[in-house]
């Protein structure tokens, strides 16, 4: 099996999954429990993505300038600072730490 076969199979599976989502009745998704699960699943997936992108480097866990930058970003976000400013300040913190190490 070549790389192209894998790409085509993955694309077909993704398309089938997306199309199957349209077959779910709207009334089912409007009920309390499925709506809550969908909301919590979104938050959990986003948190996992942030953790992997912040701490991951291949197969290892790495603590570098991204961790303090994420902490600063979370603190600024908790203070309801505009998102663009949060991104710039977090990037500046990471760049400053990398400049001194």
PDB file of N, CA and C in Angstrom:
ATOM      1  N   UNK A   1       0.849  -1.169   0.000  1.00  0.00           N
ATOM      2  CA  UNK A   1       0.000   0.000   0.000  1.00  0.00           C
ATOM      3  C   UNK A   1       0.898   1.235   0.000  1.00  0.00           C
ATOM      4  N   UNK A   2       0.653   2.126  -0.943  1.00  0.00           N
ATOM      5  CA  UNK A   2       1.473   3.327  -1.052  1.00  0.00           C
ATOM      6  C   UNK A   2       0.894   4.455  -0.203  1.00  0.00           C
ATOM      7  N   UNK A   3       1.631   5.515  -0.137  1.00  0.00           N
ATOM      8  CA  UNK A   3       1.182   6.688   0.612  1.00  0.00           C
ATOM      9  C   UNK A   3      -0.110   7.245   0.017  1.00  0.00           C
ATOM     10  N   UNK A   4      -0.209   7.212  -1.311  1.00  0.00           N
ATOM     11  CA  UNK A   4      -1.405   7.732  -1.958  1.00  0.00           C
ATOM     12  C   UNK A   4      -2.639   6.911  -1.612  1.00  0.00           C
ATOM     13  N   UNK A   5      -2.471   5.600  -1.481  1.00  0.00           N
ATOM     14  CA  UNK A   5      -3.600   4.764  -1.072  1.00  0.00           C
ATOM     15  C   UNK A   5      -4.078   5.159   0.333  1.00  0.00           C
ATOM     16  N   UNK A   6      -3.134   5.370   1.218  1.00  0.00           N
ATOM     17  CA  UNK A   6      -3.478   5.754   2.589  1.00  0.00           C
ATOM     18  C   UNK A   6      -4.177   7.109   2.607  1.00  0.00           C
ATOM     19  N   UNK A   7      -3.680   8.052   1.817  1.00  0.00           N
ATOM     20  CA  UNK A   7      -4.296   9.379   1.749  1.00  0.00           C
ATOM     21  C   UNK A   7      -5.723   9.281   1.207  1.00  0.00           C
ATOM     22  N   UNK A   8      -5.920   8.487   0.159  1.00  0.00           N
ATOM     23  CA  UNK A   8      -7.250   8.334  -0.414  1.00  0.00           C
ATOM     24  C   UNK A   8      -8.213   7.648   0.553  1.00  0.00           C
ATOM     25  N   UNK A   9      -7.747   6.626   1.256  1.00  0.00           N
ATOM     26  CA  UNK A   9      -8.593   5.936   2.227  1.00  0.00           C
ATOM     27  C   UNK A   9      -8.953   6.868   3.383  1.00  0.00           C
ATOM     28  N   UNK A  10      -7.970   7.620   3.866  1.00  0.00           N
ATOM     29  CA  UNK A  10      -8.237   8.567   4.954  1.00  0.00           C
ATOM     30  C   UNK A  10      -9.198   9.661   4.504  1.00  0.00           C
ATOM     31  N   UNK A  11      -9.049  10.128   3.274  1.00  0.00           N
ATOM     32  CA  UNK A  11      -9.958  11.151   2.749  1.00  0.00           C
ATOM     33  C   UNK A  11     -11.381  10.614   2.635  1.00  0.00           C
ATOM     34  N   UNK A  12     -11.517   9.379   2.140  1.00  0.00           N
ATOM     35  CA  UNK A  12     -12.842   8.773   2.011  1.00  0.00           C
ATOM     36  C   UNK A  12     -13.480   8.561   3.392  1.00  0.00           C
ATOM     37  N   UNK A  13     -12.682   8.137   4.367  1.00  0.00           N
ATOM     38  CA  UNK A  13     -13.205   7.934   5.717  1.00  0.00           C
ATOM     39  C   UNK A  13     -13.642   9.261   6.333  1.00  0.00           C
ATOM     40  N   UNK A  14     -12.874  10.307   6.121  1.00  0.00           N
ATOM     41  CA  UNK A  14     -13.227  11.626   6.638  1.00  0.00           C
ATOM     42  C   UNK A  14     -14.512  12.135   5.997  1.00  0.00           C
ATOM     43  N   UNK A  15     -14.631  11.973   4.690  1.00  0.00           N
ATOM     44  CA  UNK A  15     -15.837  12.396   3.991  1.00  0.00           C
ATOM     45  C   UNK A  15     -17.052  11.609   4.485  1.00  0.00           C
ATOM     46  N   UNK A  16     -16.896  10.301   4.675  1.00  0.00           N
ATOM     47  CA  UNK A  16     -17.997   9.476   5.170  1.00  0.00           C
ATOM     48  C   UNK A  16     -18.418   9.912   6.575  1.00  0.00           C
ATOM     49  N   UNK A  17     -17.448  10.235   7.419  1.00  0.00           N
ATOM     50  CA  UNK A  17     -17.772  10.686   8.779  1.00  0.00           C
ATOM     51  C   UNK A  17     -18.519  12.014   8.749  1.00  0.00           C
ATOM     52  N   UNK A  18     -18.060  12.931   7.899  1.00  0.00           N
ATOM     53  CA  UNK A  18     -18.731  14.228   7.799  1.00  0.00           C
ATOM     54  C   UNK A  18     -20.150  14.066   7.261  1.00  0.00           C
ATOM     55  N   UNK A  19     -20.314  13.212   6.266  1.00  0.00           N
ATOM     56  CA  UNK A  19     -21.645  13.001   5.704  1.00  0.00           C
ATOM     57  C   UNK A  19     -22.570  12.311   6.705  1.00  0.00           C
ATOM     58  N   UNK A  20     -22.031  11.410   7.508  1.00  0.00           N
ATOM     59  CA  UNK A  20     -22.864  10.734   8.504  1.00  0.00           C
ATOM     60  C   UNK A  20     -23.358  11.709   9.572  1.00  0.00           C
ATOM     61  N   UNK A  21     -22.644  12.784   9.789  1.00  0.00           N
ATOM     62  CA  UNK A  21     -23.090  13.799  10.734  1.00  0.00           C
ATOM     63  C   UNK A  21     -24.373  14.479  10.296  1.00  0.00           C
ATOM     64  N   UNK A  22     -24.584  14.556   8.984  1.00  0.00           N
ATOM     65  CA  UNK A  22     -25.811  15.167   8.475  1.00  0.00           C
ATOM     66  C   UNK A  22     -27.010  14.238   8.624  1.00  0.00           C
ATOM     67  N   UNK A  23     -26.776  12.968   8.869  1.00  0.00           N
ATOM     68  CA  UNK A  23     -27.873  12.008   9.031  1.00  0.00           C
ATOM     69  C   UNK A  23     -28.448  11.998  10.447  1.00  0.00           C
ATOM     70  N   UNK A  24     -27.734  12.612  11.391  1.00  0.00           N
ATOM     71  CA  UNK A  24     -28.217  12.676  12.772  1.00  0.00           C
ATOM     72  C   UNK A  24     -29.352  13.696  12.833  1.00  0.00           C
ATOM     73  N   UNK A  25     -30.499  13.302  13.371  1.00  0.00           N
ATOM     74  CA  UNK A  25     -31.629  14.253  13.442  1.00  0.00           C
ATOM     75  C   UNK A  25     -31.296  15.465  14.315  1.00  0.00           C
ATOM     76  N   UNK A  26     -31.766  16.620  13.901  1.00  0.00           N
ATOM     77  CA  UNK A  26     -31.496  17.858  14.645  1.00  0.00           C
ATOM     78  C   UNK A  26     -32.089  17.795  16.045  1.00  0.00           C
ATOM     79  N   UNK A  27     -33.220  17.134  16.188  1.00  0.00           N
ATOM     80  CA  UNK A  27     -33.853  17.020  17.501  1.00  0.00           C
ATOM     81  C   UNK A  27     -32.982  16.291  18.506  1.00  0.00           C
ATOM     82  N   UNK A  28     -32.220  15.321  18.035  1.00  0.00           N
ATOM     83  CA  UNK A  28     -31.317  14.582  18.927  1.00  0.00           C
ATOM     84  C   UNK A  28     -30.229  15.494  19.478  1.00  0.00           C
ATOM     85  N   UNK A  29     -29.695  16.348  18.620  1.00  0.00           N
ATOM     86  CA  UNK A  29     -28.601  17.229  19.038  1.00  0.00           C
ATOM     87  C   UNK A  29     -29.078  18.381  19.914  1.00  0.00           C
ATOM     88  N   UNK A  30     -30.371  18.661  19.892  1.00  0.00           N
ATOM     89  CA  UNK A  30     -30.896  19.762  20.701  1.00  0.00           C
ATOM     90  C   UNK A  30     -31.242  19.329  22.123  1.00  0.00           C
ATOM     91  N   UNK A  31     -31.245  18.028  22.380  1.00  0.00           N
ATOM     92  CA  UNK A  31     -31.496  17.561  23.742  1.00  0.00           C
ATOM     93  C   UNK A  31     -30.345  17.965  24.651  1.00  0.00           C
ATOM     94  N   UNK A  32     -30.618  18.001  25.945  1.00  0.00           N
ATOM     95  CA  UNK A  32     -29.642  18.529  26.902  1.00  0.00           C
ATOM     96  C   UNK A  32     -28.355  17.704  26.957  1.00  0.00           C
ATOM     97  N   UNK A  33     -28.495  16.398  27.095  1.00  0.00           N
ATOM     98  CA  UNK A  33     -27.309  15.564  27.289  1.00  0.00           C
ATOM     99  C   UNK A  33     -26.369  15.547  26.075  1.00  0.00           C
ATOM    100  N   UNK A  34     -26.851  15.281  24.846  1.00  0.00           N
ATOM    101  CA  UNK A  34     -25.938  15.323  23.695  1.00  0.00           C
ATOM    102  C   UNK A  34     -25.313  16.699  23.473  1.00  0.00           C
ATOM    103  N   UNK A  35     -26.067  17.757  23.736  1.00  0.00           N
ATOM    104  CA  UNK A  35     -25.516  19.103  23.573  1.00  0.00           C
ATOM    105  C   UNK A  35     -24.395  19.345  24.575  1.00  0.00           C
ATOM    106  N   UNK A  36     -24.599  18.898  25.805  1.00  0.00           N
ATOM    107  CA  UNK A  36     -23.555  19.068  26.835  1.00  0.00           C
ATOM    108  C   UNK A  36     -22.319  18.244  26.499  1.00  0.00           C
ATOM    109  N   UNK A  37     -22.520  17.030  26.032  1.00  0.00           N
ATOM    110  CA  UNK A  37     -21.380  16.186  25.650  1.00  0.00           C
ATOM    111  C   UNK A  37     -20.606  16.828  24.509  1.00  0.00           C
ATOM    112  N   UNK A  38     -21.316  17.362  23.520  1.00  0.00           N
ATOM    113  CA  UNK A  38     -20.647  18.020  22.398  1.00  0.00           C
ATOM    114  C   UNK A  38     -19.848  19.229  22.859  1.00  0.00           C
ATOM    115  N   UNK A  39     -20.418  20.017  23.774  1.00  0.00           N
ATOM    116  CA  UNK A  39     -19.702  21.185  24.298  1.00  0.00           C
ATOM    117  C   UNK A  39     -18.447  20.770  25.063  1.00  0.00           C
ATOM    118  N   UNK A  40     -18.585  19.772  25.932  1.00  0.00           N
ATOM    119  CA  UNK A  40     -17.437  19.328  26.726  1.00  0.00           C
ATOM    120  C   UNK A  40     -16.378  18.650  25.865  1.00  0.00           C
ATOM    121  N   UNK A  41     -16.805  17.947  24.838  1.00  0.00           N
ATOM    122  CA  UNK A  41     -15.859  17.286  23.945  1.00  0.00           C
ATOM    123  C   UNK A  41     -15.009  18.315  23.201  1.00  0.00           C
ATOM    124  N   UNK A  42     -15.634  19.398  22.808  1.00  0.00           N
ATOM    125  CA  UNK A  42     -14.895  20.466  22.128  1.00  0.00           C
ATOM    126  C   UNK A  42     -13.826  21.053  23.041  1.00  0.00           C
ATOM    127  N   UNK A  43     -14.180  21.315  24.267  1.00  0.00           N
ATOM    128  CA  UNK A  43     -13.220  21.872  25.231  1.00  0.00           C
ATOM    129  C   UNK A  43     -12.091  20.880  25.499  1.00  0.00           C
ATOM    130  N   UNK A  44     -12.428  19.601  25.657  1.00  0.00           N
ATOM    131  CA  UNK A  44     -11.410  18.578  25.932  1.00  0.00           C
ATOM    132  C   UNK A  44     -10.443  18.431  24.763  1.00  0.00           C
ATOM    133  N   UNK A  45     -10.953  18.441  23.552  1.00  0.00           N
ATOM    134  CA  UNK A  45     -10.072  18.324  22.384  1.00  0.00           C
ATOM    135  C   UNK A  45      -9.168  19.538  22.236  1.00  0.00           C
ATOM    136  N   UNK A  46      -9.704  20.726  22.505  1.00  0.00           N
ATOM    137  CA  UNK A  46      -8.876  21.933  22.441  1.00  0.00           C
ATOM    138  C   UNK A  46      -7.798  21.914  23.514  1.00  0.00           C
ATOM    139  N   UNK A  47      -8.145  21.483  24.721  1.00  0.00           N
ATOM    140  CA  UNK A  47      -7.158  21.397  25.798  1.00  0.00           C
ATOM    141  C   UNK A  47      -6.070  20.382  25.460  1.00  0.00           C
ATOM    142  N   UNK A  48      -6.460  19.256  24.881  1.00  0.00           N
ATOM    143  CA  UNK A  48      -5.473  18.255  24.492  1.00  0.00           C
ATOM    144  C   UNK A  48      -4.554  18.792  23.405  1.00  0.00           C
ATOM    145  N   UNK A  49      -5.105  19.510  22.446  1.00  0.00           N
ATOM    146  CA  UNK A  49      -4.283  20.095  21.388  1.00  0.00           C
ATOM    147  C   UNK A  49      -3.288  21.096  21.952  1.00  0.00           C
ATOM    148  N   UNK A  50      -3.736  21.931  22.880  1.00  0.00           N
ATOM    149  CA  UNK A  50      -2.834  22.905  23.501  1.00  0.00           C
ATOM    150  C   UNK A  50      -1.733  22.196  24.279  1.00  0.00           C
ATOM    151  N   UNK A  51      -2.082  21.153  25.024  1.00  0.00           N
ATOM    152  CA  UNK A  51      -1.078  20.419  25.804  1.00  0.00           C
ATOM    153  C   UNK A  51      -0.051  19.755  24.899  1.00  0.00           C
ATOM    154  N   UNK A  52      -0.504  19.135  23.826  1.00  0.00           N
ATOM    155  CA  UNK A  52       0.426  18.450  22.925  1.00  0.00           C
ATOM    156  C   UNK A  52       1.329  19.453  22.220  1.00  0.00           C
ATOM    157  N   UNK A  53       0.756  20.564  21.757  1.00  0.00           N
ATOM    158  CA  UNK A  53       1.566  21.552  21.052  1.00  0.00           C
ATOM    159  C   UNK A  53       2.517  22.294  21.982  1.00  0.00           C
ATOM    160  N   UNK A  54       2.152  22.418  23.258  1.00  0.00           N
ATOM    161  CA  UNK A  54       3.005  23.141  24.202  1.00  0.00           C
ATOM    162  C   UNK A  54       4.107  22.255  24.758  1.00  0.00           C
ATOM    163  N   UNK A  55       3.784  21.034  25.113  1.00  0.00           N
ATOM    164  CA  UNK A  55       4.743  20.165  25.801  1.00  0.00           C
ATOM    165  C   UNK A  55       5.377  19.105  24.914  1.00  0.00           C
ATOM    166  N   UNK A  56       4.871  18.916  23.733  1.00  0.00           N
ATOM    167  CA  UNK A  56       5.356  17.824  22.900  1.00  0.00           C
ATOM    168  C   UNK A  56       6.435  18.236  21.926  1.00  0.00           C
ATOM    169  N   UNK A  57       7.390  17.345  21.761  1.00  0.00           N
ATOM    170  CA  UNK A  57       8.428  17.480  20.739  1.00  0.00           C
ATOM    171  C   UNK A  57       8.758  16.062  20.284  1.00  0.00           C
ATOM    172  N   UNK A  58       8.058  15.612  19.269  1.00  0.00           N
ATOM    173  CA  UNK A  58       8.244  14.229  18.841  1.00  0.00           C
ATOM    174  C   UNK A  58       7.625  13.283  19.857  1.00  0.00           C
ATOM    175  N   UNK A  59       8.430  12.391  20.396  1.00  0.00           N
ATOM    176  CA  UNK A  59       7.957  11.425  21.378  1.00  0.00           C
ATOM    177  C   UNK A  59       8.332  11.825  22.803  1.00  0.00           C
ATOM    178  N   UNK A  60       8.820  13.029  22.998  1.00  0.00           N
ATOM    179  CA  UNK A  60       9.276  13.466  24.313  1.00  0.00           C
ATOM    180  C   UNK A  60       8.439  14.628  24.833  1.00  0.00           C
ATOM    181  N   UNK A  61       8.428  14.766  26.149  1.00  0.00           N
ATOM    182  CA  UNK A  61       7.816  15.933  26.782  1.00  0.00           C
ATOM    183  C   UNK A  61       8.927  16.944  27.018  1.00  0.00           C
ATOM    184  N   UNK A  62       8.718  18.152  26.528  1.00  0.00           N
ATOM    185  CA  UNK A  62       9.738  19.196  26.612  1.00  0.00           C
ATOM    186  C   UNK A  62       9.135  20.415  27.301  1.00  0.00           C
ATOM    187  N   UNK A  63       9.817  20.909  28.312  1.00  0.00           N
ATOM    188  CA  UNK A  63       9.405  22.145  28.969  1.00  0.00           C
ATOM    189  C   UNK A  63      10.395  23.219  28.537  1.00  0.00           C
ATOM    190  N   UNK A  64       9.910  24.139  27.712  1.00  0.00           N
ATOM    191  CA  UNK A  64      10.774  25.204  27.215  1.00  0.00           C
ATOM    192  C   UNK A  64      10.032  26.536  27.315  1.00  0.00           C
ATOM    193  N   UNK A  65      10.329  27.469  26.463  1.00  0.00           N
ATOM    194  CA  UNK A  65       9.768  28.819  26.547  1.00  0.00           C
ATOM    195  C   UNK A  65       8.266  28.854  26.278  1.00  0.00           C
ATOM    196  N   UNK A  66       7.722  27.796  25.694  1.00  0.00           N
ATOM    197  CA  UNK A  66       6.288  27.791  25.404  1.00  0.00           C
ATOM    198  C   UNK A  66       5.443  27.708  26.671  1.00  0.00           C
ATOM    199  N   UNK A  67       5.944  27.045  27.708  1.00  0.00           N
ATOM    200  CA  UNK A  67       5.162  26.867  28.937  1.00  0.00           C
ATOM    201  C   UNK A  67       4.926  28.205  29.651  1.00  0.00           C
ATOM    202  N   UNK A  68       5.964  29.009  29.921  1.00  0.00           N
ATOM    203  CA  UNK A  68       5.688  30.322  30.538  1.00  0.00           C
ATOM    204  C   UNK A  68       4.831  31.224  29.641  1.00  0.00           C
ATOM    205  N   UNK A  69       5.020  31.124  28.335  1.00  0.00           N
ATOM    206  CA  UNK A  69       4.205  31.922  27.422  1.00  0.00           C
ATOM    207  C   UNK A  69       2.740  31.520  27.515  1.00  0.00           C
ATOM    208  N   UNK A  70       2.474  30.226  27.640  1.00  0.00           N
ATOM    209  CA  UNK A  70       1.098  29.754  27.793  1.00  0.00           C
ATOM    210  C   UNK A  70       0.498  30.212  29.118  1.00  0.00           C
ATOM    211  N   UNK A  71       1.303  30.203  30.171  1.00  0.00           N
ATOM    212  CA  UNK A  71       0.821  30.660  31.479  1.00  0.00           C
ATOM    213  C   UNK A  71       0.479  32.153  31.422  1.00  0.00           C
ATOM    214  N   UNK A  72       1.333  32.942  30.798  1.00  0.00           N
ATOM    215  CA  UNK A  72       1.061  34.376  30.644  1.00  0.00           C
ATOM    216  C   UNK A  72      -0.194  34.584  29.801  1.00  0.00           C
ATOM    217  N   UNK A  73      -0.332  33.823  28.730  1.00  0.00           N
ATOM    218  CA  UNK A  73      -1.516  33.952  27.875  1.00  0.00           C
ATOM    219  C   UNK A  73      -2.786  33.605  28.643  1.00  0.00           C
ATOM    220  N   UNK A  74      -2.739  32.549  29.443  1.00  0.00           N
ATOM    221  CA  UNK A  74      -3.915  32.159  30.227  1.00  0.00           C
ATOM    222  C   UNK A  74      -4.267  33.236  31.246  1.00  0.00           C
ATOM    223  N   UNK A  75      -3.257  33.823  31.872  1.00  0.00           N
ATOM    224  CA  UNK A  75      -3.512  34.879  32.856  1.00  0.00           C
ATOM    225  C   UNK A  75      -4.123  36.111  32.184  1.00  0.00           C
ATOM    226  N   UNK A  76      -3.584  36.503  31.045  1.00  0.00           N
ATOM    227  CA  UNK A  76      -4.134  37.661  30.341  1.00  0.00           C
ATOM    228  C   UNK A  76      -5.544  37.380  29.836  1.00  0.00           C
ATOM    229  N   UNK A  77      -5.771  36.166  29.371  1.00  0.00           N
ATOM    230  CA  UNK A  77      -7.102  35.804  28.893  1.00  0.00           C
ATOM    231  C   UNK A  77      -8.108  35.820  30.043  1.00  0.00           C
ATOM    232  N   UNK A  78      -7.663  35.394  31.229  1.00  0.00           N
ATOM    233  CA  UNK A  78      -8.539  35.419  32.411  1.00  0.00           C
ATOM    234  C   UNK A  78      -8.880  36.857  32.807  1.00  0.00           C
ATOM    235  N   UNK A  79      -7.971  37.775  32.522  1.00  0.00           N
ATOM    236  CA  UNK A  79      -8.217  39.192  32.797  1.00  0.00           C
ATOM    237  C   UNK A  79      -9.013  39.878  31.689  1.00  0.00           C
ATOM    238  N   UNK A  80      -9.447  39.088  30.698  1.00  0.00           N
ATOM    239  CA  UNK A  80     -10.256  39.557  29.572  1.00  0.00           C
ATOM    240  C   UNK A  80      -9.539  40.593  28.712  1.00  0.00           C
ATOM    241  N   UNK A  81      -8.241  40.398  28.541  1.00  0.00           N
ATOM    242  CA  UNK A  81      -7.463  41.238  27.630  1.00  0.00           C
ATOM    243  C   UNK A  81      -7.823  40.805  26.202  1.00  0.00           C
ATOM    244  N   UNK A  82      -7.882  41.718  25.243  1.00  0.00           N
ATOM    245  CA  UNK A  82      -8.196  41.339  23.858  1.00  0.00           C
ATOM    246  C   UNK A  82      -7.242  40.256  23.333  1.00  0.00           C
ATOM    247  N   UNK A  83      -7.805  39.353  22.538  1.00  0.00           N
ATOM    248  CA  UNK A  83      -7.073  38.171  22.097  1.00  0.00           C
ATOM    249  C   UNK A  83      -5.794  38.514  21.336  1.00  0.00           C
ATOM    250  N   UNK A  84      -5.830  39.523  20.495  1.00  0.00           N
ATOM    251  CA  UNK A  84      -4.645  39.890  19.717  1.00  0.00           C
ATOM    252  C   UNK A  84      -3.504  40.300  20.645  1.00  0.00           C
ATOM    253  N   UNK A  85      -3.820  41.038  21.673  1.00  0.00           N
ATOM    254  CA  UNK A  85      -2.803  41.461  22.632  1.00  0.00           C
ATOM    255  C   UNK A  85      -2.263  40.255  23.400  1.00  0.00           C
ATOM    256  N   UNK A  86      -3.146  39.321  23.751  1.00  0.00           N
ATOM    257  CA  UNK A  86      -2.710  38.091  24.430  1.00  0.00           C
ATOM    258  C   UNK A  86      -1.691  37.352  23.576  1.00  0.00           C
ATOM    259  N   UNK A  87      -1.980  37.223  22.295  1.00  0.00           N
ATOM    260  CA  UNK A  87      -1.072  36.504  21.391  1.00  0.00           C
ATOM    261  C   UNK A  87       0.266  37.225  21.294  1.00  0.00           C
ATOM    262  N   UNK A  88       0.245  38.536  21.115  1.00  0.00           N
ATOM    263  CA  UNK A  88       1.494  39.288  20.994  1.00  0.00           C
ATOM    264  C   UNK A  88       2.333  39.225  22.264  1.00  0.00           C
ATOM    265  N   UNK A  89       1.692  39.362  23.416  1.00  0.00           N
ATOM    266  CA  UNK A  89       2.442  39.332  24.677  1.00  0.00           C
ATOM    267  C   UNK A  89       3.018  37.935  24.922  1.00  0.00           C
ATOM    268  N   UNK A  90       2.232  36.897  24.659  1.00  0.00           N
ATOM    269  CA  UNK A  90       2.731  35.532  24.838  1.00  0.00           C
ATOM    270  C   UNK A  90       3.897  35.252  23.899  1.00  0.00           C
ATOM    271  N   UNK A  91       3.798  35.731  22.669  1.00  0.00           N
ATOM    272  CA  UNK A  91       4.909  35.556  21.721  1.00  0.00           C
ATOM    273  C   UNK A  91       6.142  36.324  22.185  1.00  0.00           C
ATOM    274  N   UNK A  92       5.945  37.508  22.733  1.00  0.00           N
ATOM    275  CA  UNK A  92       7.068  38.290  23.235  1.00  0.00           C
ATOM    276  C   UNK A  92       7.729  37.607  24.431  1.00  0.00           C
ATOM    277  N   UNK A  93       6.929  37.013  25.304  1.00  0.00           N
ATOM    278  CA  UNK A  93       7.477  36.288  26.465  1.00  0.00           C
ATOM    279  C   UNK A  93       8.306  35.105  25.975  1.00  0.00           C
ATOM    280  N   UNK A  94       7.760  34.330  25.037  1.00  0.00           N
ATOM    281  CA  UNK A  94       8.516  33.180  24.523  1.00  0.00           C
ATOM    282  C   UNK A  94       9.795  33.633  23.819  1.00  0.00           C
ATOM    283  N   UNK A  95       9.712  34.695  23.042  1.00  0.00           N
ATOM    284  CA  UNK A  95      10.905  35.195  22.343  1.00  0.00           C
ATOM    285  C   UNK A  95      11.933  35.714  23.330  1.00  0.00           C
ATOM    286  N   UNK A  96      11.471  36.411  24.366  1.00  0.00           N
ATOM    287  CA  UNK A  96      12.420  36.911  25.382  1.00  0.00           C
ATOM    288  C   UNK A  96      13.123  35.799  26.124  1.00  0.00           C
ATOM    289  N   UNK A  97      12.379  34.770  26.480  1.00  0.00           N
ATOM    290  CA  UNK A  97      13.004  33.629  27.174  1.00  0.00           C
ATOM    291  C   UNK A  97      13.991  32.914  26.265  1.00  0.00           C
ATOM    292  N   UNK A  98      13.613  32.746  25.013  1.00  0.00           N
ATOM    293  CA  UNK A  98      14.527  32.077  24.060  1.00  0.00           C
ATOM    294  C   UNK A  98      15.761  32.911  23.778  1.00  0.00           C
ATOM    295  N   UNK A  99      15.631  34.233  23.858  1.00  0.00           N
ATOM    296  CA  UNK A  99      16.782  35.091  23.610  1.00  0.00           C
ATOM    297  C   UNK A  99      17.816  34.970  24.722  1.00  0.00           C
ATOM    298  N   UNK A 100      17.353  34.711  25.946  1.00  0.00           N
ATOM    299  CA  UNK A 100      18.272  34.640  27.078  1.00  0.00           C
ATOM    300  C   UNK A 100      18.759  33.231  27.372  1.00  0.00           C
ATOM    301  N   UNK A 101      18.243  32.238  26.687  1.00  0.00           N
ATOM    302  CA  UNK A 101      18.708  30.860  26.951  1.00  0.00           C
ATOM    303  C   UNK A 101      19.508  30.324  25.807  1.00  0.00           C
TER     304      UNK A 101
END
